[in-house]
């Protein structure tokens, strides 16, 4: 396994970046673009997934990094929950929902794996 030297090397961060790009794309189209509350909330949650990984990576301890990874995972769950709202309101279709939900799930799983590995190194 290659050594992680920068937060950009973290696969979970790379997948979170894809999630942000996709969320911004779907929220800037149609009626979703005019629902400022829901649009801004889901955008902020997606960005939070990515930024908490980066912020945590720069912490002074692995324990603190693991804490930020927990924040990041919870933001991914927030994105998933907000996707349900967007689906129920009719801003996105089921196909878009499924794709974005899965991207958030993949990102969440990668972050969780990293968090678990950090905890194993620092019991």
N, C-alpha and C. Protein backbone atom coordinates (compact mmCIF):
# COMPACT_ATOMS: atom_id res chain seq x y z
N UNK A 1 0.85 -1.18 0.00
CA UNK A 1 0.00 0.00 0.00
C UNK A 1 0.89 1.24 0.00
N UNK A 2 0.65 2.16 -0.94
CA UNK A 2 1.50 3.35 -1.01
C UNK A 2 1.27 4.27 0.18
N UNK A 3 2.31 4.97 0.55
CA UNK A 3 2.25 5.91 1.66
C UNK A 3 1.43 7.14 1.26
N UNK A 4 0.58 7.56 2.15
CA UNK A 4 -0.23 8.75 1.90
C UNK A 4 0.57 9.96 2.38
N UNK A 5 0.94 10.82 1.45
CA UNK A 5 1.74 11.99 1.79
C UNK A 5 0.92 13.28 1.80
N UNK A 6 -0.19 13.27 1.06
CA UNK A 6 -1.05 14.45 0.96
C UNK A 6 -2.49 13.98 1.05
N UNK A 7 -3.35 14.86 1.49
CA UNK A 7 -4.76 14.45 1.59
C UNK A 7 -5.32 14.06 0.23
N UNK A 8 -4.78 14.63 -0.83
CA UNK A 8 -5.24 14.31 -2.18
C UNK A 8 -4.96 12.85 -2.57
N UNK A 9 -4.06 12.20 -1.84
CA UNK A 9 -3.74 10.79 -2.09
C UNK A 9 -4.78 9.84 -1.50
N UNK A 10 -5.64 10.34 -0.64
CA UNK A 10 -6.62 9.51 0.05
C UNK A 10 -7.78 9.20 -0.91
N UNK A 11 -8.00 7.92 -1.16
CA UNK A 11 -9.03 7.52 -2.12
C UNK A 11 -10.41 8.01 -1.68
N UNK A 12 -10.68 7.99 -0.38
CA UNK A 12 -11.96 8.51 0.11
C UNK A 12 -12.14 9.98 -0.23
N UNK A 13 -11.07 10.76 -0.16
CA UNK A 13 -11.14 12.17 -0.53
C UNK A 13 -11.42 12.31 -2.03
N UNK A 14 -10.76 11.47 -2.84
CA UNK A 14 -10.97 11.51 -4.29
C UNK A 14 -12.43 11.20 -4.64
N UNK A 15 -13.00 10.22 -3.95
CA UNK A 15 -14.40 9.87 -4.20
C UNK A 15 -15.34 10.95 -3.68
N UNK A 16 -14.98 11.58 -2.57
CA UNK A 16 -15.77 12.69 -2.04
C UNK A 16 -15.77 13.85 -3.03
N UNK A 17 -14.66 14.06 -3.68
CA UNK A 17 -14.55 15.13 -4.68
C UNK A 17 -15.51 14.86 -5.83
N UNK A 18 -15.61 13.60 -6.26
CA UNK A 18 -16.56 13.23 -7.31
C UNK A 18 -17.99 13.49 -6.84
N UNK A 19 -18.26 13.15 -5.59
CA UNK A 19 -19.59 13.38 -5.03
C UNK A 19 -19.94 14.87 -5.08
N UNK A 20 -19.01 15.71 -4.69
CA UNK A 20 -19.24 17.17 -4.71
C UNK A 20 -19.57 17.63 -6.13
N UNK A 21 -18.77 17.20 -7.08
CA UNK A 21 -18.98 17.60 -8.48
C UNK A 21 -20.38 17.19 -8.96
N UNK A 22 -20.76 15.94 -8.65
CA UNK A 22 -22.06 15.45 -9.08
C UNK A 22 -23.21 16.17 -8.39
N UNK A 23 -23.07 16.40 -7.09
CA UNK A 23 -24.14 17.09 -6.34
C UNK A 23 -24.32 18.51 -6.87
N UNK A 24 -23.22 19.20 -7.13
CA UNK A 24 -23.35 20.55 -7.69
C UNK A 24 -24.02 20.51 -9.06
N UNK A 25 -23.70 19.50 -9.86
CA UNK A 25 -24.31 19.41 -11.19
C UNK A 25 -25.82 19.23 -11.07
N UNK A 26 -26.27 18.30 -10.23
CA UNK A 26 -27.72 18.06 -10.16
C UNK A 26 -28.48 19.18 -9.45
N UNK A 27 -27.82 19.88 -8.55
CA UNK A 27 -28.51 20.93 -7.81
C UNK A 27 -28.55 22.26 -8.55
N UNK A 28 -27.82 22.36 -9.62
CA UNK A 28 -27.83 23.59 -10.41
C UNK A 28 -28.70 23.47 -11.65
N UNK A 29 -29.56 22.44 -11.66
CA UNK A 29 -30.46 22.22 -12.80
C UNK A 29 -31.92 22.27 -12.35
N UNK A 30 -32.77 22.72 -13.23
CA UNK A 30 -34.22 22.67 -13.01
C UNK A 30 -34.69 23.33 -11.73
N UNK A 31 -35.75 22.76 -11.17
CA UNK A 31 -36.36 23.32 -9.97
C UNK A 31 -35.42 23.26 -8.77
N UNK A 32 -34.54 22.26 -8.75
CA UNK A 32 -33.59 22.12 -7.64
C UNK A 32 -32.76 23.41 -7.48
N UNK A 33 -32.41 24.01 -8.60
CA UNK A 33 -31.58 25.22 -8.58
C UNK A 33 -32.26 26.39 -7.88
N UNK A 34 -33.59 26.35 -7.79
CA UNK A 34 -34.34 27.46 -7.20
C UNK A 34 -34.76 27.20 -5.75
N UNK A 35 -34.51 26.00 -5.28
CA UNK A 35 -34.80 25.69 -3.87
C UNK A 35 -33.52 25.94 -3.08
N UNK A 36 -33.33 27.19 -2.72
CA UNK A 36 -32.07 27.61 -2.12
C UNK A 36 -31.75 26.87 -0.82
N UNK A 37 -32.74 26.58 -0.04
CA UNK A 37 -32.50 25.90 1.23
C UNK A 37 -31.98 24.49 1.05
N UNK A 38 -32.71 23.67 0.30
CA UNK A 38 -32.30 22.28 0.10
C UNK A 38 -31.02 22.21 -0.74
N UNK A 39 -30.96 23.03 -1.75
CA UNK A 39 -29.77 23.05 -2.62
C UNK A 39 -28.52 23.36 -1.81
N UNK A 40 -28.59 24.43 -1.01
CA UNK A 40 -27.42 24.83 -0.23
C UNK A 40 -27.06 23.79 0.83
N UNK A 41 -28.06 23.19 1.44
CA UNK A 41 -27.81 22.19 2.49
C UNK A 41 -27.10 20.96 1.93
N UNK A 42 -27.57 20.45 0.81
CA UNK A 42 -26.94 19.25 0.25
C UNK A 42 -25.56 19.57 -0.32
N UNK A 43 -25.40 20.76 -0.88
CA UNK A 43 -24.07 21.16 -1.36
C UNK A 43 -23.09 21.28 -0.19
N UNK A 44 -23.52 21.92 0.89
CA UNK A 44 -22.64 22.07 2.07
C UNK A 44 -22.29 20.71 2.66
N UNK A 45 -23.25 19.80 2.72
CA UNK A 45 -22.98 18.47 3.27
C UNK A 45 -21.96 17.74 2.40
N UNK A 46 -22.11 17.81 1.09
CA UNK A 46 -21.17 17.14 0.19
C UNK A 46 -19.76 17.73 0.34
N UNK A 47 -19.67 19.04 0.37
CA UNK A 47 -18.37 19.69 0.53
C UNK A 47 -17.76 19.32 1.89
N UNK A 48 -18.59 19.18 2.89
CA UNK A 48 -18.12 18.82 4.22
C UNK A 48 -17.46 17.44 4.24
N UNK A 49 -17.97 16.53 3.44
CA UNK A 49 -17.36 15.19 3.35
C UNK A 49 -15.89 15.35 2.95
N UNK A 50 -15.67 16.10 1.91
CA UNK A 50 -14.34 16.30 1.36
C UNK A 50 -13.43 17.11 2.28
N UNK A 51 -13.96 18.20 2.80
CA UNK A 51 -13.11 19.10 3.59
C UNK A 51 -12.74 18.52 4.95
N UNK A 52 -13.62 17.73 5.54
CA UNK A 52 -13.27 17.14 6.83
C UNK A 52 -12.14 16.12 6.70
N UNK A 53 -12.06 15.43 5.58
CA UNK A 53 -10.93 14.54 5.35
C UNK A 53 -9.65 15.35 5.28
N UNK A 54 -9.67 16.41 4.49
CA UNK A 54 -8.48 17.24 4.33
C UNK A 54 -8.08 17.89 5.64
N UNK A 55 -9.04 18.44 6.34
CA UNK A 55 -8.76 19.11 7.61
C UNK A 55 -8.21 18.11 8.63
N UNK A 56 -8.81 16.95 8.71
CA UNK A 56 -8.35 15.93 9.65
C UNK A 56 -6.97 15.42 9.33
N UNK A 57 -6.65 15.33 8.06
CA UNK A 57 -5.33 14.84 7.65
C UNK A 57 -4.22 15.72 8.21
N UNK A 58 -4.52 16.99 8.39
CA UNK A 58 -3.50 17.93 8.87
C UNK A 58 -3.48 18.03 10.39
N UNK A 59 -4.20 17.17 11.08
CA UNK A 59 -4.21 17.18 12.54
C UNK A 59 -2.89 16.65 13.08
N UNK A 60 -2.67 16.94 14.34
CA UNK A 60 -1.42 16.53 14.98
C UNK A 60 -1.41 15.08 15.43
N UNK A 61 -2.55 14.40 15.41
CA UNK A 61 -2.59 13.01 15.87
C UNK A 61 -3.54 12.20 15.01
N UNK A 62 -3.31 10.90 15.00
CA UNK A 62 -4.19 10.00 14.26
C UNK A 62 -5.55 9.90 14.93
N UNK A 63 -5.57 10.06 16.25
CA UNK A 63 -6.84 10.05 16.97
C UNK A 63 -7.72 11.22 16.51
N UNK A 64 -7.11 12.38 16.39
CA UNK A 64 -7.85 13.55 15.92
C UNK A 64 -8.27 13.39 14.46
N UNK A 65 -7.40 12.82 13.65
CA UNK A 65 -7.73 12.55 12.25
C UNK A 65 -8.95 11.63 12.18
N UNK A 66 -8.96 10.59 13.00
CA UNK A 66 -10.09 9.65 13.04
C UNK A 66 -11.38 10.37 13.41
N UNK A 67 -11.28 11.34 14.31
CA UNK A 67 -12.46 12.11 14.70
C UNK A 67 -13.03 12.89 13.50
N UNK A 68 -12.16 13.50 12.73
CA UNK A 68 -12.60 14.24 11.54
C UNK A 68 -13.17 13.30 10.48
N UNK A 69 -12.62 12.10 10.38
CA UNK A 69 -13.17 11.12 9.45
C UNK A 69 -14.60 10.75 9.86
N UNK A 70 -14.85 10.72 11.17
CA UNK A 70 -16.22 10.49 11.65
C UNK A 70 -17.16 11.60 11.21
N UNK A 71 -16.69 12.83 11.29
CA UNK A 71 -17.51 13.97 10.82
C UNK A 71 -17.79 13.80 9.32
N UNK A 72 -16.77 13.41 8.58
CA UNK A 72 -16.90 13.25 7.15
C UNK A 72 -17.94 12.19 6.80
N UNK A 73 -17.88 11.05 7.48
CA UNK A 73 -18.85 9.98 7.25
C UNK A 73 -20.28 10.45 7.54
N UNK A 74 -20.43 11.18 8.62
CA UNK A 74 -21.77 11.67 8.97
C UNK A 74 -22.28 12.67 7.92
N UNK A 75 -21.40 13.44 7.34
CA UNK A 75 -21.81 14.35 6.27
C UNK A 75 -22.26 13.56 5.04
N UNK A 76 -21.60 12.44 4.76
CA UNK A 76 -22.02 11.59 3.63
C UNK A 76 -23.42 11.03 3.88
N UNK A 77 -23.70 10.66 5.12
CA UNK A 77 -25.06 10.19 5.47
C UNK A 77 -26.07 11.32 5.31
N UNK A 78 -25.66 12.53 5.67
CA UNK A 78 -26.55 13.68 5.48
C UNK A 78 -26.88 13.86 4.00
N UNK A 79 -25.88 13.72 3.14
CA UNK A 79 -26.13 13.79 1.69
C UNK A 79 -27.16 12.74 1.29
N UNK A 80 -26.99 11.52 1.78
CA UNK A 80 -27.92 10.44 1.45
C UNK A 80 -29.34 10.78 1.89
N UNK A 81 -29.49 11.30 3.08
CA UNK A 81 -30.81 11.67 3.58
C UNK A 81 -31.44 12.78 2.74
N UNK A 82 -30.64 13.77 2.39
CA UNK A 82 -31.15 14.88 1.60
C UNK A 82 -31.50 14.45 0.18
N UNK A 83 -30.83 13.43 -0.32
CA UNK A 83 -31.20 12.88 -1.62
C UNK A 83 -32.62 12.33 -1.61
N UNK A 84 -33.02 11.73 -0.48
CA UNK A 84 -34.40 11.27 -0.36
C UNK A 84 -35.38 12.43 -0.48
N UNK A 85 -35.05 13.54 0.16
CA UNK A 85 -35.92 14.71 0.07
C UNK A 85 -36.03 15.17 -1.38
N UNK A 86 -34.90 15.24 -2.06
CA UNK A 86 -34.90 15.68 -3.46
C UNK A 86 -35.70 14.72 -4.34
N UNK A 87 -35.61 13.44 -4.07
CA UNK A 87 -36.38 12.45 -4.82
C UNK A 87 -37.87 12.60 -4.55
N UNK A 88 -38.21 12.70 -3.28
CA UNK A 88 -39.63 12.80 -2.89
C UNK A 88 -40.29 14.06 -3.43
N UNK A 89 -39.55 15.13 -3.51
CA UNK A 89 -40.09 16.40 -4.01
C UNK A 89 -40.17 16.40 -5.54
N UNK A 90 -39.39 15.55 -6.16
CA UNK A 90 -39.40 15.47 -7.62
C UNK A 90 -38.28 16.24 -8.28
N UNK A 91 -37.28 16.65 -7.53
CA UNK A 91 -36.15 17.37 -8.11
C UNK A 91 -35.21 16.45 -8.87
N UNK A 92 -35.14 15.19 -8.46
CA UNK A 92 -34.30 14.21 -9.14
C UNK A 92 -35.13 12.95 -9.38
N UNK A 93 -34.70 12.18 -10.38
CA UNK A 93 -35.39 10.92 -10.66
C UNK A 93 -34.69 9.79 -9.90
N UNK A 94 -35.28 8.60 -9.97
CA UNK A 94 -34.76 7.45 -9.22
C UNK A 94 -33.36 7.07 -9.68
N UNK A 95 -33.09 7.18 -10.93
CA UNK A 95 -31.77 6.83 -11.47
C UNK A 95 -30.69 7.76 -10.91
N UNK A 96 -30.97 9.04 -10.89
CA UNK A 96 -30.04 10.02 -10.33
C UNK A 96 -29.88 9.79 -8.83
N UNK A 97 -30.99 9.55 -8.16
CA UNK A 97 -30.94 9.24 -6.73
C UNK A 97 -30.02 8.05 -6.47
N UNK A 98 -30.25 6.96 -7.20
CA UNK A 98 -29.47 5.74 -6.99
C UNK A 98 -27.98 5.98 -7.21
N UNK A 99 -27.65 6.69 -8.28
CA UNK A 99 -26.24 6.94 -8.59
C UNK A 99 -25.56 7.76 -7.50
N UNK A 100 -26.24 8.83 -7.06
CA UNK A 100 -25.63 9.69 -6.05
C UNK A 100 -25.61 9.03 -4.67
N UNK A 101 -26.66 8.27 -4.37
CA UNK A 101 -26.70 7.54 -3.10
C UNK A 101 -25.53 6.55 -3.05
N UNK A 102 -25.31 5.85 -4.16
CA UNK A 102 -24.21 4.87 -4.21
C UNK A 102 -22.85 5.56 -4.12
N UNK A 103 -22.71 6.73 -4.74
CA UNK A 103 -21.43 7.45 -4.64
C UNK A 103 -21.17 7.87 -3.20
N UNK A 104 -22.21 8.32 -2.52
CA UNK A 104 -22.06 8.68 -1.10
C UNK A 104 -21.74 7.45 -0.27
N UNK A 105 -22.37 6.33 -0.60
CA UNK A 105 -22.13 5.07 0.13
C UNK A 105 -20.70 4.59 -0.07
N UNK A 106 -20.22 4.64 -1.29
CA UNK A 106 -18.84 4.25 -1.60
C UNK A 106 -17.86 5.13 -0.85
N UNK A 107 -18.10 6.41 -0.87
CA UNK A 107 -17.24 7.36 -0.17
C UNK A 107 -17.24 7.08 1.32
N UNK A 108 -18.42 6.87 1.87
CA UNK A 108 -18.57 6.58 3.30
C UNK A 108 -17.80 5.32 3.68
N UNK A 109 -17.89 4.29 2.85
CA UNK A 109 -17.20 3.03 3.14
C UNK A 109 -15.68 3.21 3.12
N UNK A 110 -15.18 3.96 2.17
CA UNK A 110 -13.73 4.19 2.10
C UNK A 110 -13.25 4.98 3.31
N UNK A 111 -14.01 5.97 3.71
CA UNK A 111 -13.65 6.76 4.89
C UNK A 111 -13.69 5.89 6.13
N UNK A 112 -14.71 5.05 6.23
CA UNK A 112 -14.82 4.15 7.37
C UNK A 112 -13.66 3.18 7.45
N UNK A 113 -13.23 2.67 6.31
CA UNK A 113 -12.08 1.77 6.28
C UNK A 113 -10.81 2.45 6.75
N UNK A 114 -10.62 3.69 6.33
CA UNK A 114 -9.45 4.45 6.77
C UNK A 114 -9.52 4.71 8.26
N UNK A 115 -10.69 5.08 8.73
CA UNK A 115 -10.86 5.34 10.17
C UNK A 115 -10.56 4.08 10.99
N UNK A 116 -11.04 2.95 10.53
CA UNK A 116 -10.79 1.68 11.23
C UNK A 116 -9.30 1.38 11.26
N UNK A 117 -8.61 1.61 10.14
CA UNK A 117 -7.17 1.33 10.11
C UNK A 117 -6.40 2.25 11.05
N UNK A 118 -6.85 3.47 11.20
CA UNK A 118 -6.19 4.40 12.13
C UNK A 118 -6.39 3.93 13.57
N UNK A 119 -7.59 3.45 13.87
CA UNK A 119 -7.88 2.99 15.22
C UNK A 119 -7.07 1.74 15.56
N UNK A 120 -6.84 0.88 14.57
CA UNK A 120 -6.06 -0.34 14.81
C UNK A 120 -4.60 0.00 15.14
N UNK A 121 -4.11 1.09 14.56
CA UNK A 121 -2.73 1.52 14.83
C UNK A 121 -2.60 2.21 16.18
N UNK A 122 -3.72 2.76 16.65
CA UNK A 122 -3.73 3.50 17.93
C UNK A 122 -4.89 3.01 18.78
N UNK A 123 -4.76 1.83 19.36
CA UNK A 123 -5.87 1.30 20.16
C UNK A 123 -6.15 2.13 21.41
